């Protein structure tokens, strides 16, 4: 029989990552993202930009994925304990050495086999498309 604890992400024990900075290191306690937390991070990082013609009519919608926002959202949800506050300012100013070590903890927004690459594509979004952040809302289909 499958128990509720078998399917909940919160049932998994937290993990520890040792992050090195030069000849020093610190521990970071984190949990993996749940299925819906990951989906929510992707939604926050996705922007729909209307493409208009010369008459100002919306003819298409361009989808822009902001990998930096995805990383920020994911880290805020994943990290249980860190030696610093996970403010936007701190995350945006981490050096490359620390950022690269944190990046490997974050699941790919595109699935397990896809690279963590910022992407931009054009196309008409599905009916599930919605307004994110300060971007204009995508037209309903």
C-alpha atoms as a PDB file:
ATOM      1  CA  UNK A   1       0.000   0.000   0.000  1.00  0.00           C
ATOM      2  CA  UNK A   2       1.160   3.516  -0.794  1.00  0.00           C
ATOM      3  CA  UNK A   3       1.100   5.816   2.217  1.00  0.00           C
ATOM      4  CA  UNK A   4       0.673   9.574   2.029  1.00  0.00           C
ATOM      5  CA  UNK A   5       4.243   9.977   3.297  1.00  0.00           C
ATOM      6  CA  UNK A   6       5.434   8.021   0.250  1.00  0.00           C
ATOM      7  CA  UNK A   7       4.153  10.671  -2.160  1.00  0.00           C
ATOM      8  CA  UNK A   8       4.765  13.937  -0.321  1.00  0.00           C
ATOM      9  CA  UNK A   9       7.876  15.966  -0.986  1.00  0.00           C
ATOM     10  CA  UNK A  10       7.820  17.186   2.620  1.00  0.00           C
ATOM     11  CA  UNK A  11       8.420  13.605   3.781  1.00  0.00           C
ATOM     12  CA  UNK A  12      11.894  13.637   2.260  1.00  0.00           C
ATOM     13  CA  UNK A  13      14.632  14.667   4.681  1.00  0.00           C
ATOM     14  CA  UNK A  14      16.429  17.938   3.939  1.00  0.00           C
ATOM     15  CA  UNK A  15      19.718  17.700   2.071  1.00  0.00           C
ATOM     16  CA  UNK A  16      23.003  19.419   2.843  1.00  0.00           C
ATOM     17  CA  UNK A  17      25.237  21.050   0.256  1.00  0.00           C
ATOM     18  CA  UNK A  18      28.741  22.185   1.097  1.00  0.00           C
ATOM     19  CA  UNK A  19      29.482  25.342  -0.865  1.00  0.00           C
ATOM     20  CA  UNK A  20      33.142  26.259  -1.238  1.00  0.00           C
ATOM     21  CA  UNK A  21      34.447  29.771  -1.590  1.00  0.00           C
ATOM     22  CA  UNK A  22      38.187  29.761  -2.212  1.00  0.00           C
ATOM     23  CA  UNK A  23      39.685  27.858   0.721  1.00  0.00           C
ATOM     24  CA  UNK A  24      36.558  28.308   2.908  1.00  0.00           C
ATOM     25  CA  UNK A  25      33.184  26.580   2.859  1.00  0.00           C
ATOM     26  CA  UNK A  26      29.715  26.739   4.362  1.00  0.00           C
ATOM     27  CA  UNK A  27      26.735  24.420   4.585  1.00  0.00           C
ATOM     28  CA  UNK A  28      23.385  25.049   2.972  1.00  0.00           C
ATOM     29  CA  UNK A  29      20.351  23.001   4.049  1.00  0.00           C
ATOM     30  CA  UNK A  30      17.736  22.591   1.307  1.00  0.00           C
ATOM     31  CA  UNK A  31      14.773  20.543   0.120  1.00  0.00           C
ATOM     32  CA  UNK A  32      14.003  19.483  -3.414  1.00  0.00           C
ATOM     33  CA  UNK A  33      11.230  21.401  -5.154  1.00  0.00           C
ATOM     34  CA  UNK A  34       7.825  19.783  -5.140  1.00  0.00           C
ATOM     35  CA  UNK A  35       6.109  19.291  -8.473  1.00  0.00           C
ATOM     36  CA  UNK A  36       3.835  22.335  -8.052  1.00  0.00           C
ATOM     37  CA  UNK A  37       6.577  24.514  -6.556  1.00  0.00           C
ATOM     38  CA  UNK A  38       8.649  23.917  -9.686  1.00  0.00           C
ATOM     39  CA  UNK A  39       5.643  24.692 -11.885  1.00  0.00           C
ATOM     40  CA  UNK A  40       5.030  27.886  -9.917  1.00  0.00           C
ATOM     41  CA  UNK A  41       8.672  28.966 -10.348  1.00  0.00           C
ATOM     42  CA  UNK A  42       8.367  28.421 -14.115  1.00  0.00           C
ATOM     43  CA  UNK A  43       5.130  30.456 -14.206  1.00  0.00           C
ATOM     44  CA  UNK A  44       6.697  33.379 -12.327  1.00  0.00           C
ATOM     45  CA  UNK A  45       9.701  33.344 -14.690  1.00  0.00           C
ATOM     46  CA  UNK A  46       7.596  33.297 -17.867  1.00  0.00           C
ATOM     47  CA  UNK A  47       6.522  36.498 -19.561  1.00  0.00           C
ATOM     48  CA  UNK A  48       4.103  36.862 -22.462  1.00  0.00           C
ATOM     49  CA  UNK A  49       4.798  39.868 -24.689  1.00  0.00           C
ATOM     50  CA  UNK A  50       2.230  40.879 -27.315  1.00  0.00           C
ATOM     51  CA  UNK A  51       3.544  41.343 -30.850  1.00  0.00           C
ATOM     52  CA  UNK A  52       1.594  44.048 -32.651  1.00  0.00           C
ATOM     53  CA  UNK A  53       1.268  44.973 -36.297  1.00  0.00           C
ATOM     54  CA  UNK A  54       1.524  48.518 -37.723  1.00  0.00           C
ATOM     55  CA  UNK A  55      -2.105  49.171 -36.731  1.00  0.00           C
ATOM     56  CA  UNK A  56      -1.387  48.319 -33.107  1.00  0.00           C
ATOM     57  CA  UNK A  57      -3.390  45.077 -33.198  1.00  0.00           C
ATOM     58  CA  UNK A  58      -1.982  42.094 -31.354  1.00  0.00           C
ATOM     59  CA  UNK A  59      -1.077  39.484 -33.971  1.00  0.00           C
ATOM     60  CA  UNK A  60       1.030  37.107 -31.916  1.00  0.00           C
ATOM     61  CA  UNK A  61       2.462  36.626 -28.460  1.00  0.00           C
ATOM     62  CA  UNK A  62       6.164  36.132 -27.799  1.00  0.00           C
ATOM     63  CA  UNK A  63       7.067  33.974 -24.826  1.00  0.00           C
ATOM     64  CA  UNK A  64      10.157  34.976 -22.851  1.00  0.00           C
ATOM     65  CA  UNK A  65      11.600  32.768 -20.128  1.00  0.00           C
ATOM     66  CA  UNK A  66      13.744  34.548 -17.519  1.00  0.00           C
ATOM     67  CA  UNK A  67      16.155  31.923 -16.154  1.00  0.00           C
ATOM     68  CA  UNK A  68      17.457  34.348 -13.510  1.00  0.00           C
ATOM     69  CA  UNK A  69      13.977  34.748 -12.041  1.00  0.00           C
ATOM     70  CA  UNK A  70      13.489  30.972 -12.122  1.00  0.00           C
ATOM     71  CA  UNK A  71      16.761  30.469 -10.197  1.00  0.00           C
ATOM     72  CA  UNK A  72      15.799  33.110  -7.585  1.00  0.00           C
ATOM     73  CA  UNK A  73      12.328  31.674  -7.045  1.00  0.00           C
ATOM     74  CA  UNK A  74      13.615  28.105  -6.850  1.00  0.00           C
ATOM     75  CA  UNK A  75      16.347  28.937  -4.323  1.00  0.00           C
ATOM     76  CA  UNK A  76      13.937  30.874  -2.113  1.00  0.00           C
ATOM     77  CA  UNK A  77      11.602  27.851  -2.024  1.00  0.00           C
ATOM     78  CA  UNK A  78      14.322  25.217  -1.659  1.00  0.00           C
ATOM     79  CA  UNK A  79      16.717  26.630   0.940  1.00  0.00           C
ATOM     80  CA  UNK A  80      15.775  25.795   4.519  1.00  0.00           C
ATOM     81  CA  UNK A  81      18.859  27.219   6.229  1.00  0.00           C
ATOM     82  CA  UNK A  82      21.642  29.430   4.910  1.00  0.00           C
ATOM     83  CA  UNK A  83      24.278  31.589   6.609  1.00  0.00           C
ATOM     84  CA  UNK A  84      22.914  34.692   4.852  1.00  0.00           C
ATOM     85  CA  UNK A  85      19.450  36.067   4.073  1.00  0.00           C
ATOM     86  CA  UNK A  86      18.157  35.004   0.660  1.00  0.00           C
ATOM     87  CA  UNK A  87      17.151  38.477  -0.400  1.00  0.00           C
ATOM     88  CA  UNK A  88      17.018  39.434  -4.049  1.00  0.00           C
ATOM     89  CA  UNK A  89      20.055  41.691  -3.520  1.00  0.00           C
ATOM     90  CA  UNK A  90      22.139  38.873  -2.016  1.00  0.00           C
ATOM     91  CA  UNK A  91      21.170  36.380  -4.733  1.00  0.00           C
ATOM     92  CA  UNK A  92      21.851  38.886  -7.531  1.00  0.00           C
ATOM     93  CA  UNK A  93      25.308  39.670  -6.142  1.00  0.00           C
ATOM     94  CA  UNK A  94      26.654  36.171  -5.482  1.00  0.00           C
ATOM     95  CA  UNK A  95      29.946  35.521  -7.211  1.00  0.00           C
ATOM     96  CA  UNK A  96      30.180  33.051 -10.097  1.00  0.00           C
ATOM     97  CA  UNK A  97      31.860  30.377  -7.980  1.00  0.00           C
ATOM     98  CA  UNK A  98      28.979  30.253  -5.489  1.00  0.00           C
ATOM     99  CA  UNK A  99      26.295  30.686  -8.166  1.00  0.00           C
ATOM    100  CA  UNK A 100      27.596  27.718 -10.162  1.00  0.00           C
ATOM    101  CA  UNK A 101      27.455  25.486  -7.064  1.00  0.00           C
ATOM    102  CA  UNK A 102      23.902  26.608  -6.262  1.00  0.00           C
ATOM    103  CA  UNK A 103      22.765  26.156  -9.857  1.00  0.00           C
ATOM    104  CA  UNK A 104      23.439  22.407  -9.765  1.00  0.00           C
ATOM    105  CA  UNK A 105      20.967  22.068  -6.873  1.00  0.00           C
ATOM    106  CA  UNK A 106      18.115  23.585  -8.898  1.00  0.00           C
ATOM    107  CA  UNK A 107      16.119  21.281 -11.178  1.00  0.00           C
ATOM    108  CA  UNK A 108      15.950  22.166 -14.843  1.00  0.00           C
ATOM    109  CA  UNK A 109      12.776  24.078 -15.672  1.00  0.00           C
ATOM    110  CA  UNK A 110      12.465  21.995 -18.851  1.00  0.00           C
ATOM    111  CA  UNK A 111      12.728  18.522 -17.345  1.00  0.00           C
ATOM    112  CA  UNK A 112      15.528  16.265 -16.246  1.00  0.00           C
ATOM    113  CA  UNK A 113      17.175  15.807 -19.651  1.00  0.00           C
ATOM    114  CA  UNK A 114      17.121  19.427 -20.828  1.00  0.00           C
ATOM    115  CA  UNK A 115      19.875  21.971 -20.207  1.00  0.00           C
ATOM    116  CA  UNK A 116      19.367  25.015 -18.036  1.00  0.00           C
ATOM    117  CA  UNK A 117      19.394  27.525 -20.856  1.00  0.00           C
ATOM    118  CA  UNK A 118      17.529  30.818 -21.129  1.00  0.00           C
ATOM    119  CA  UNK A 119      15.179  30.532 -24.043  1.00  0.00           C
ATOM    120  CA  UNK A 120      12.956  32.796 -26.037  1.00  0.00           C
ATOM    121  CA  UNK A 121      10.412  31.541 -28.499  1.00  0.00           C
ATOM    122  CA  UNK A 122       7.483  32.910 -30.425  1.00  0.00           C
ATOM    123  CA  UNK A 123       4.117  31.341 -30.646  1.00  0.00           C
ATOM    124  CA  UNK A 124       0.580  31.553 -29.478  1.00  0.00           C
ATOM    125  CA  UNK A 125       0.212  30.482 -25.863  1.00  0.00           C
ATOM    126  CA  UNK A 126      -2.377  27.961 -24.788  1.00  0.00           C
ATOM    127  CA  UNK A 127      -5.565  28.906 -22.963  1.00  0.00           C
ATOM    128  CA  UNK A 128      -3.563  28.440 -19.773  1.00  0.00           C
ATOM    129  CA  UNK A 129      -1.432  31.496 -20.627  1.00  0.00           C
ATOM    130  CA  UNK A 130      -1.725  34.205 -18.042  1.00  0.00           C
ATOM    131  CA  UNK A 131      -0.283  37.521 -17.024  1.00  0.00           C
ATOM    132  CA  UNK A 132       2.951  37.298 -15.040  1.00  0.00           C
ATOM    133  CA  UNK A 133       4.739  40.089 -13.238  1.00  0.00           C
ATOM    134  CA  UNK A 134       4.183  43.405 -15.005  1.00  0.00           C
ATOM    135  CA  UNK A 135       3.849  42.049 -18.530  1.00  0.00           C
ATOM    136  CA  UNK A 136       0.609  42.577 -20.449  1.00  0.00           C
ATOM    137  CA  UNK A 137      -1.862  39.754 -20.306  1.00  0.00           C
ATOM    138  CA  UNK A 138      -1.893  37.367 -23.205  1.00  0.00           C
ATOM    139  CA  UNK A 139      -5.066  37.460 -25.270  1.00  0.00           C
ATOM    140  CA  UNK A 140      -7.468  34.591 -24.675  1.00  0.00           C
ATOM    141  CA  UNK A 141      -7.880  32.043 -27.425  1.00  0.00           C
END
